[in-house]
Amino acid sequence: MATPQKLTTQSQFDAFADEVARELGTHCRTAPPPVPGWGLVRLIVDGDGRALSLRQSNRQPGRLTISAALPDESQVSPPSIGVTAISARHVAHEITRRLYPLHTQAVEHAGELAALKQAESDARRTVADAVASALPGAQVTERHRSTKILWEHAFRPPGHSGPALTDSICLVIGPSGKEVSVDASGRPDCVVPMLAAFAAAARTRDRQVSGGFSTPDTTLL
């Protein structure tokens, strides 16, 4: 079995990374990491913009941990592999054979998640616009995979000397925009008609579905 190369200084590690970059080809270049870390670290960036991080293992100096960066790592963890630093050619071969396919899969998965996130946001926006149109002056707040809408109306009953009272409606639109939770409080003569309208809309929707129609009815929002 070949003996791993001894890379004990940053200059030796940088020179080894340069050799790996040359073996990879594709207009690769090396660069220092944007944020210094523990141990020996070097970046390899290829002509397609893929950035690889080469890091020496603290416990096994002859082993490298190589990870491929993603544009957005908040949803998908960057793929990584462990490689013995036998030679630059061996490391480049393992990157091509094992890491690049993992990186391609991760990028595709990240793209799918981004598309889903955008579709959910668009669906919530459609519902939020309908609600905001029905409740002028409502406050719309975007949250993680949900949208909160708050509408308040202050009033003072005749003869009431204390602080103003409030009719309020708080809605939370779920991730896909297909479900809305509502919390309403206020005068009964305001809340009861709203509940009646909700029940009527539900019955109308059932008739539309049973009749073969599936277009959401937002006229009562």
C-alpha atoms as a PDB file:
ATOM      1  CA  MET A   1       0.000   0.000   0.000  1.00  0.00           C
ATOM      2  CA  ALA A   2       1.308   3.432  -0.944  1.00  0.00           C
ATOM      3  CA  THR A   3       2.371   5.695   1.889  1.00  0.00           C
ATOM      4  CA  PRO A   4       0.412   8.951   2.333  1.00  0.00           C
ATOM      5  CA  GLN A   5       2.385  12.084   1.666  1.00  0.00           C
ATOM      6  CA  LYS A   6       3.657  14.060   4.636  1.00  0.00           C
ATOM      7  CA  LEU A   7       2.002  17.450   4.567  1.00  0.00           C
ATOM      8  CA  THR A   8       3.023  19.230   7.743  1.00  0.00           C
ATOM      9  CA  THR A   9       3.116  22.895   6.719  1.00  0.00           C
ATOM     10  CA  GLN A  10       0.691  25.177   4.927  1.00  0.00           C
ATOM     11  CA  SER A  11       3.178  25.726   2.089  1.00  0.00           C
ATOM     12  CA  GLN A  12       3.460  21.951   1.534  1.00  0.00           C
ATOM     13  CA  PHE A  13      -0.304  21.618   1.645  1.00  0.00           C
ATOM     14  CA  ASP A  14      -0.735  24.504  -0.821  1.00  0.00           C
ATOM     15  CA  ALA A  15       1.739  22.916  -3.230  1.00  0.00           C
ATOM     16  CA  PHE A  16      -0.104  19.582  -2.998  1.00  0.00           C
ATOM     17  CA  ALA A  17      -3.418  21.313  -3.693  1.00  0.00           C
ATOM     18  CA  ASP A  18      -1.859  22.968  -6.743  1.00  0.00           C
ATOM     19  CA  GLU A  19      -0.884  19.513  -8.048  1.00  0.00           C
ATOM     20  CA  VAL A  20      -4.410  18.218  -7.465  1.00  0.00           C
ATOM     21  CA  ALA A  21      -5.817  21.198  -9.363  1.00  0.00           C
ATOM     22  CA  ARG A  22      -3.537  20.476 -12.311  1.00  0.00           C
ATOM     23  CA  GLU A  23      -4.620  16.829 -12.322  1.00  0.00           C
ATOM     24  CA  LEU A  24      -8.288  17.865 -12.307  1.00  0.00           C
ATOM     25  CA  GLY A  25      -7.772  20.219 -15.249  1.00  0.00           C
ATOM     26  CA  THR A  26     -10.960  22.107 -16.283  1.00  0.00           C
ATOM     27  CA  HIS A  27      -9.139  25.406 -15.671  1.00  0.00           C
ATOM     28  CA  CYS A  28      -8.812  24.741 -11.957  1.00  0.00           C
ATOM     29  CA  ARG A  29      -7.093  27.201  -9.666  1.00  0.00           C
ATOM     30  CA  THR A  30      -6.380  27.228  -5.952  1.00  0.00           C
ATOM     31  CA  ALA A  31      -7.124  29.896  -3.368  1.00  0.00           C
ATOM     32  CA  PRO A  32      -7.018  30.359   0.392  1.00  0.00           C
ATOM     33  CA  PRO A  33     -10.290  29.846   2.276  1.00  0.00           C
ATOM     34  CA  PRO A  34     -12.364  33.021   2.774  1.00  0.00           C
ATOM     35  CA  VAL A  35     -12.359  32.406   6.526  1.00  0.00           C
ATOM     36  CA  PRO A  36      -9.241  30.859   8.095  1.00  0.00           C
ATOM     37  CA  GLY A  37      -9.967  27.629   9.935  1.00  0.00           C
ATOM     38  CA  TRP A  38      -8.201  25.056  12.035  1.00  0.00           C
ATOM     39  CA  GLY A  39      -5.529  22.954  10.426  1.00  0.00           C
ATOM     40  CA  LEU A  40      -4.378  22.974   6.829  1.00  0.00           C
ATOM     41  CA  VAL A  41      -7.029  24.121   4.365  1.00  0.00           C
ATOM     42  CA  ARG A  42      -6.996  25.066   0.671  1.00  0.00           C
ATOM     43  CA  LEU A  43      -9.683  25.721  -1.939  1.00  0.00           C
ATOM     44  CA  ILE A  44      -9.788  24.474  -5.519  1.00  0.00           C
ATOM     45  CA  VAL A  45     -12.123  26.328  -7.872  1.00  0.00           C
ATOM     46  CA  ASP A  46     -12.780  24.946 -11.350  1.00  0.00           C
ATOM     47  CA  GLY A  47     -13.925  26.640 -14.533  1.00  0.00           C
ATOM     48  CA  ASP A  48     -17.580  25.827 -13.777  1.00  0.00           C
ATOM     49  CA  GLY A  49     -17.421  27.703 -10.500  1.00  0.00           C
ATOM     50  CA  ARG A  50     -17.406  24.614  -8.297  1.00  0.00           C
ATOM     51  CA  ALA A  51     -15.415  25.246  -5.135  1.00  0.00           C
ATOM     52  CA  LEU A  52     -13.779  22.335  -3.348  1.00  0.00           C
ATOM     53  CA  SER A  53     -12.401  22.600   0.157  1.00  0.00           C
ATOM     54  CA  LEU A  54      -9.408  20.386   0.962  1.00  0.00           C
ATOM     55  CA  ARG A  55      -8.821  19.984   4.678  1.00  0.00           C
ATOM     56  CA  GLN A  56      -6.274  17.829   6.458  1.00  0.00           C
ATOM     57  CA  SER A  57      -7.610  15.598   9.203  1.00  0.00           C
ATOM     58  CA  ASN A  58      -6.320  16.603  12.634  1.00  0.00           C
ATOM     59  CA  ARG A  59      -6.182  13.008  13.842  1.00  0.00           C
ATOM     60  CA  GLN A  60      -4.937  11.458  10.591  1.00  0.00           C
ATOM     61  CA  PRO A  61      -2.475  13.785   8.826  1.00  0.00           C
ATOM     62  CA  GLY A  62      -2.430  11.475   5.815  1.00  0.00           C
ATOM     63  CA  ARG A  63      -6.186  11.802   5.296  1.00  0.00           C
ATOM     64  CA  LEU A  64      -8.014  14.627   3.560  1.00  0.00           C
ATOM     65  CA  THR A  65     -11.617  15.687   3.917  1.00  0.00           C
ATOM     66  CA  ILE A  66     -12.811  17.199   0.653  1.00  0.00           C
ATOM     67  CA  SER A  67     -16.171  18.955   0.430  1.00  0.00           C
ATOM     68  CA  ALA A  68     -17.925  20.641  -2.485  1.00  0.00           C
ATOM     69  CA  ALA A  69     -19.626  23.954  -1.742  1.00  0.00           C
ATOM     70  CA  LEU A  70     -23.224  24.664  -2.745  1.00  0.00           C
ATOM     71  CA  PRO A  71     -24.761  28.056  -3.622  1.00  0.00           C
ATOM     72  CA  ASP A  72     -27.236  27.682  -0.737  1.00  0.00           C
ATOM     73  CA  GLU A  73     -26.318  25.330   2.091  1.00  0.00           C
ATOM     74  CA  SER A  74     -29.271  26.233   4.333  1.00  0.00           C
ATOM     75  CA  GLN A  75     -31.397  23.383   2.958  1.00  0.00           C
ATOM     76  CA  VAL A  76     -28.872  20.845   1.639  1.00  0.00           C
ATOM     77  CA  SER A  77     -25.614  19.901   3.318  1.00  0.00           C
ATOM     78  CA  PRO A  78     -22.551  20.074   1.062  1.00  0.00           C
ATOM     79  CA  PRO A  79     -21.296  16.617   0.044  1.00  0.00           C
ATOM     80  CA  SER A  80     -17.890  15.482   1.220  1.00  0.00           C
ATOM     81  CA  ILE A  81     -15.559  12.509   0.954  1.00  0.00           C
ATOM     82  CA  GLY A  82     -12.493  11.252   2.774  1.00  0.00           C
ATOM     83  CA  VAL A  83      -9.373  10.517   0.739  1.00  0.00           C
ATOM     84  CA  THR A  84      -5.896   9.302   1.600  1.00  0.00           C
ATOM     85  CA  ALA A  85      -3.258  11.717   0.318  1.00  0.00           C
ATOM     86  CA  ILE A  86      -1.321   9.024  -1.575  1.00  0.00           C
ATOM     87  CA  SER A  87      -0.708  11.325  -4.525  1.00  0.00           C
ATOM     88  CA  ALA A  88      -2.278  14.312  -6.248  1.00  0.00           C
ATOM     89  CA  ARG A  89      -3.404  12.054  -9.084  1.00  0.00           C
ATOM     90  CA  HIS A  90      -5.126   9.685  -6.647  1.00  0.00           C
ATOM     91  CA  VAL A  91      -6.927  12.549  -4.899  1.00  0.00           C
ATOM     92  CA  ALA A  92      -8.037  14.053  -8.228  1.00  0.00           C
ATOM     93  CA  HIS A  93      -9.284  10.648  -9.362  1.00  0.00           C
ATOM     94  CA  GLU A  94     -11.368  10.214  -6.193  1.00  0.00           C
ATOM     95  CA  ILE A  95     -12.808  13.708  -6.561  1.00  0.00           C
ATOM     96  CA  THR A  96     -13.885  12.954 -10.122  1.00  0.00           C
ATOM     97  CA  ARG A  97     -15.143   9.463  -9.329  1.00  0.00           C
ATOM     98  CA  ARG A  98     -16.917  10.089  -6.040  1.00  0.00           C
ATOM     99  CA  LEU A  99     -17.333  13.750  -5.128  1.00  0.00           C
ATOM    100  CA  TYR A 100     -18.424  15.306  -8.421  1.00  0.00           C
ATOM    101  CA  PRO A 101     -21.414  12.931  -8.801  1.00  0.00           C
ATOM    102  CA  LEU A 102     -22.477  13.691  -5.225  1.00  0.00           C
ATOM    103  CA  HIS A 103     -22.144  17.399  -5.927  1.00  0.00           C
ATOM    104  CA  THR A 104     -24.314  17.101  -9.047  1.00  0.00           C
ATOM    105  CA  GLN A 105     -27.009  15.281  -7.076  1.00  0.00           C
ATOM    106  CA  ALA A 106     -26.869  17.857  -4.274  1.00  0.00           C
ATOM    107  CA  VAL A 107     -27.180  20.758  -6.719  1.00  0.00           C
ATOM    108  CA  GLU A 108     -30.187  19.127  -8.366  1.00  0.00           C
ATOM    109  CA  HIS A 109     -31.803  18.480  -4.997  1.00  0.00           C
ATOM    110  CA  ALA A 110     -31.150  22.060  -3.906  1.00  0.00           C
ATOM    111  CA  GLY A 111     -32.747  23.282  -7.136  1.00  0.00           C
ATOM    112  CA  GLU A 112     -35.824  21.154  -6.525  1.00  0.00           C
ATOM    113  CA  LEU A 113     -36.163  22.512  -2.993  1.00  0.00           C
ATOM    114  CA  ALA A 114     -35.733  26.074  -4.228  1.00  0.00           C
ATOM    115  CA  ALA A 115     -38.440  25.554  -6.866  1.00  0.00           C
ATOM    116  CA  LEU A 116     -40.772  24.073  -4.236  1.00  0.00           C
ATOM    117  CA  LYS A 117     -40.077  26.970  -1.893  1.00  0.00           C
ATOM    118  CA  GLN A 118     -40.863  29.478  -4.654  1.00  0.00           C
ATOM    119  CA  ALA A 119     -44.064  27.638  -5.632  1.00  0.00           C
ATOM    120  CA  GLU A 120     -45.201  27.655  -2.002  1.00  0.00           C
ATOM    121  CA  SER A 121     -44.406  31.359  -1.688  1.00  0.00           C
ATOM    122  CA  ASP A 122     -46.372  32.148  -4.858  1.00  0.00           C
ATOM    123  CA  ALA A 123     -49.362  30.129  -3.615  1.00  0.00           C
ATOM    124  CA  ARG A 124     -49.351  31.900  -0.257  1.00  0.00           C
ATOM    125  CA  ARG A 125     -49.071  35.257  -1.987  1.00  0.00           C
ATOM    126  CA  THR A 126     -52.196  34.534  -4.064  1.00  0.00           C
ATOM    127  CA  VAL A 127     -54.204  33.801  -0.918  1.00  0.00           C
ATOM    128  CA  ALA A 128     -52.658  36.713   0.991  1.00  0.00           C
ATOM    129  CA  ASP A 129     -53.564  39.156  -1.790  1.00  0.00           C
ATOM    130  CA  ALA A 130     -57.180  37.945  -1.717  1.00  0.00           C
ATOM    131  CA  VAL A 131     -57.336  38.300   2.065  1.00  0.00           C
ATOM    132  CA  ALA A 132     -55.698  41.724   2.054  1.00  0.00           C
ATOM    133  CA  SER A 133     -58.202  42.873  -0.583  1.00  0.00           C
ATOM    134  CA  ALA A 134     -61.073  41.758   1.666  1.00  0.00           C
ATOM    135  CA  LEU A 135     -59.482  43.301   4.760  1.00  0.00           C
ATOM    136  CA  PRO A 136     -58.134  46.765   3.794  1.00  0.00           C
ATOM    137  CA  GLY A 137     -55.358  47.923   6.064  1.00  0.00           C
ATOM    138  CA  ALA A 138     -54.420  44.416   7.181  1.00  0.00           C
ATOM    139  CA  GLN A 139     -50.803  43.858   8.205  1.00  0.00           C
ATOM    140  CA  VAL A 140     -49.100  41.076   6.211  1.00  0.00           C
ATOM    141  CA  THR A 141     -46.009  39.416   7.679  1.00  0.00           C
ATOM    142  CA  GLU A 142     -43.987  36.762   5.856  1.00  0.00           C
ATOM    143  CA  ARG A 143     -42.572  34.050   8.085  1.00  0.00           C
ATOM    144  CA  HIS A 144     -40.706  30.821   7.468  1.00  0.00           C
ATOM    145  CA  ARG A 145     -43.024  28.846   5.175  1.00  0.00           C
ATOM    146  CA  SER A 146     -46.112  30.718   6.366  1.00  0.00           C
ATOM    147  CA  THR A 147     -47.772  34.120   6.061  1.00  0.00           C
ATOM    148  CA  LYS A 148     -49.455  35.924   8.950  1.00  0.00           C
ATOM    149  CA  ILE A 149     -52.179  38.507   8.330  1.00  0.00           C
ATOM    150  CA  LEU A 150     -53.549  40.689  11.126  1.00  0.00           C
ATOM    151  CA  TRP A 151     -56.545  43.002  10.773  1.00  0.00           C
ATOM    152  CA  GLU A 152     -57.748  45.158  13.665  1.00  0.00           C
ATOM    153  CA  HIS A 153     -60.543  47.683  14.085  1.00  0.00           C
ATOM    154  CA  ALA A 154     -60.797  49.749  17.265  1.00  0.00           C
ATOM    155  CA  PHE A 155     -64.210  50.900  18.488  1.00  0.00           C
ATOM    156  CA  ARG A 156     -65.743  52.513  21.540  1.00  0.00           C
ATOM    157  CA  PRO A 157     -69.311  51.506  22.445  1.00  0.00           C
ATOM    158  CA  PRO A 158     -71.720  54.263  23.516  1.00  0.00           C
ATOM    159  CA  GLY A 159     -71.208  55.097  27.142  1.00  0.00           C
ATOM    160  CA  HIS A 160     -67.906  53.199  27.281  1.00  0.00           C
ATOM    161  CA  SER A 161     -65.341  55.272  29.161  1.00  0.00           C
ATOM    162  CA  GLY A 162     -62.432  52.838  29.256  1.00  0.00           C
ATOM    163  CA  PRO A 163     -59.831  51.977  26.606  1.00  0.00           C
ATOM    164  CA  ALA A 164     -61.094  51.362  23.074  1.00  0.00           C
ATOM    165  CA  LEU A 165     -62.132  47.798  22.274  1.00  0.00           C
ATOM    166  CA  THR A 166     -60.949  45.906  19.198  1.00  0.00           C
ATOM    167  CA  ASP A 167     -62.408  43.640  16.555  1.00  0.00           C
ATOM    168  CA  SER A 168     -59.554  41.549  15.205  1.00  0.00           C
ATOM    169  CA  ILE A 169     -58.865  38.760  12.764  1.00  0.00           C
ATOM    170  CA  CYS A 170     -55.548  36.902  12.674  1.00  0.00           C
ATOM    171  CA  LEU A 171     -54.910  34.481   9.810  1.00  0.00           C
ATOM    172  CA  VAL A 172     -51.978  32.180   9.213  1.00  0.00           C
ATOM    173  CA  ILE A 173     -51.579  30.813   5.700  1.00  0.00           C
ATOM    174  CA  GLY A 174     -49.844  27.429   5.649  1.00  0.00           C
ATOM    175  CA  PRO A 175     -46.788  26.498   3.545  1.00  0.00           C
ATOM    176  CA  SER A 176     -48.630  25.458   0.375  1.00  0.00           C
ATOM    177  CA  GLY A 177     -51.352  28.105   0.580  1.00  0.00           C
ATOM    178  CA  LYS A 178     -53.990  25.367   0.736  1.00  0.00           C
ATOM    179  CA  GLU A 179     -54.825  25.811   4.397  1.00  0.00           C
ATOM    180  CA  VAL A 180     -55.635  28.899   6.444  1.00  0.00           C
ATOM    181  CA  SER A 181     -56.112  29.075  10.209  1.00  0.00           C
ATOM    182  CA  VAL A 182     -58.203  31.941  11.571  1.00  0.00           C
ATOM    183  CA  ASP A 183     -58.467  33.450  15.035  1.00  0.00           C
ATOM    184  CA  ALA A 184     -61.243  36.062  15.311  1.00  0.00           C
ATOM    185  CA  SER A 185     -62.350  38.084  18.299  1.00  0.00           C
ATOM    186  CA  GLY A 186     -64.684  41.017  18.775  1.00  0.00           C
ATOM    187  CA  ARG A 187     -68.355  41.925  18.898  1.00  0.00           C
ATOM    188  CA  PRO A 188     -70.764  39.015  18.350  1.00  0.00           C
ATOM    189  CA  ASP A 189     -72.669  40.929  15.669  1.00  0.00           C
ATOM    190  CA  CYS A 190     -69.394  41.053  13.694  1.00  0.00           C
ATOM    191  CA  VAL A 191     -68.100  37.551  14.372  1.00  0.00           C
ATOM    192  CA  VAL A 192     -71.362  35.621  13.868  1.00  0.00           C
ATOM    193  CA  PRO A 193     -71.989  36.854  10.275  1.00  0.00           C
ATOM    194  CA  MET A 194     -68.387  35.976   9.429  1.00  0.00           C
ATOM    195  CA  LEU A 195     -68.904  32.429  10.717  1.00  0.00           C
ATOM    196  CA  ALA A 196     -72.125  32.150   8.750  1.00  0.00           C
ATOM    197  CA  ALA A 197     -70.320  33.297   5.592  1.00  0.00           C
ATOM    198  CA  PHE A 198     -67.595  30.715   6.242  1.00  0.00           C
ATOM    199  CA  ALA A 199     -70.151  27.906   6.533  1.00  0.00           C
ATOM    200  CA  ALA A 200     -71.942  29.087   3.384  1.00  0.00           C
ATOM    201  CA  ALA A 201     -68.655  29.193   1.467  1.00  0.00           C
ATOM    202  CA  ALA A 202     -67.819  25.657   2.609  1.00  0.00           C
ATOM    203  CA  ARG A 203     -71.185  24.349   1.392  1.00  0.00           C
ATOM    204  CA  THR A 204     -70.789  26.180  -1.923  1.00  0.00           C
ATOM    205  CA  ARG A 205     -67.327  24.692  -2.333  1.00  0.00           C
ATOM    206  CA  ASP A 206     -68.693  21.176  -1.705  1.00  0.00           C
ATOM    207  CA  ARG A 207     -71.294  21.675  -4.423  1.00  0.00           C
ATOM    208  CA  GLN A 208     -68.636  22.913  -6.849  1.00  0.00           C
ATOM    209  CA  VAL A 209     -66.434  19.885  -6.212  1.00  0.00           C
ATOM    210  CA  SER A 210     -69.316  17.425  -6.523  1.00  0.00           C
ATOM    211  CA  GLY A 211     -70.326  19.154  -9.756  1.00  0.00           C
ATOM    212  CA  GLY A 212     -66.855  18.735 -11.253  1.00  0.00           C
ATOM    213  CA  PHE A 213     -65.521  22.248 -10.607  1.00  0.00           C
ATOM    214  CA  SER A 214     -62.226  22.661  -8.781  1.00  0.00           C
ATOM    215  CA  THR A 215     -61.389  26.362  -9.109  1.00  0.00           C
ATOM    216  CA  PRO A 216     -60.971  27.958  -5.647  1.00  0.00           C
ATOM    217  CA  ASP A 217     -63.661  30.497  -4.807  1.00  0.00           C
ATOM    218  CA  THR A 218     -62.110  33.586  -3.213  1.00  0.00           C
ATOM    219  CA  THR A 219     -65.096  35.903  -3.669  1.00  0.00           C
ATOM    220  CA  LEU A 220     -66.042  35.516  -0.016  1.00  0.00           C
ATOM    221  CA  LEU A 221     -62.588  36.295   1.307  1.00  0.00           C
END
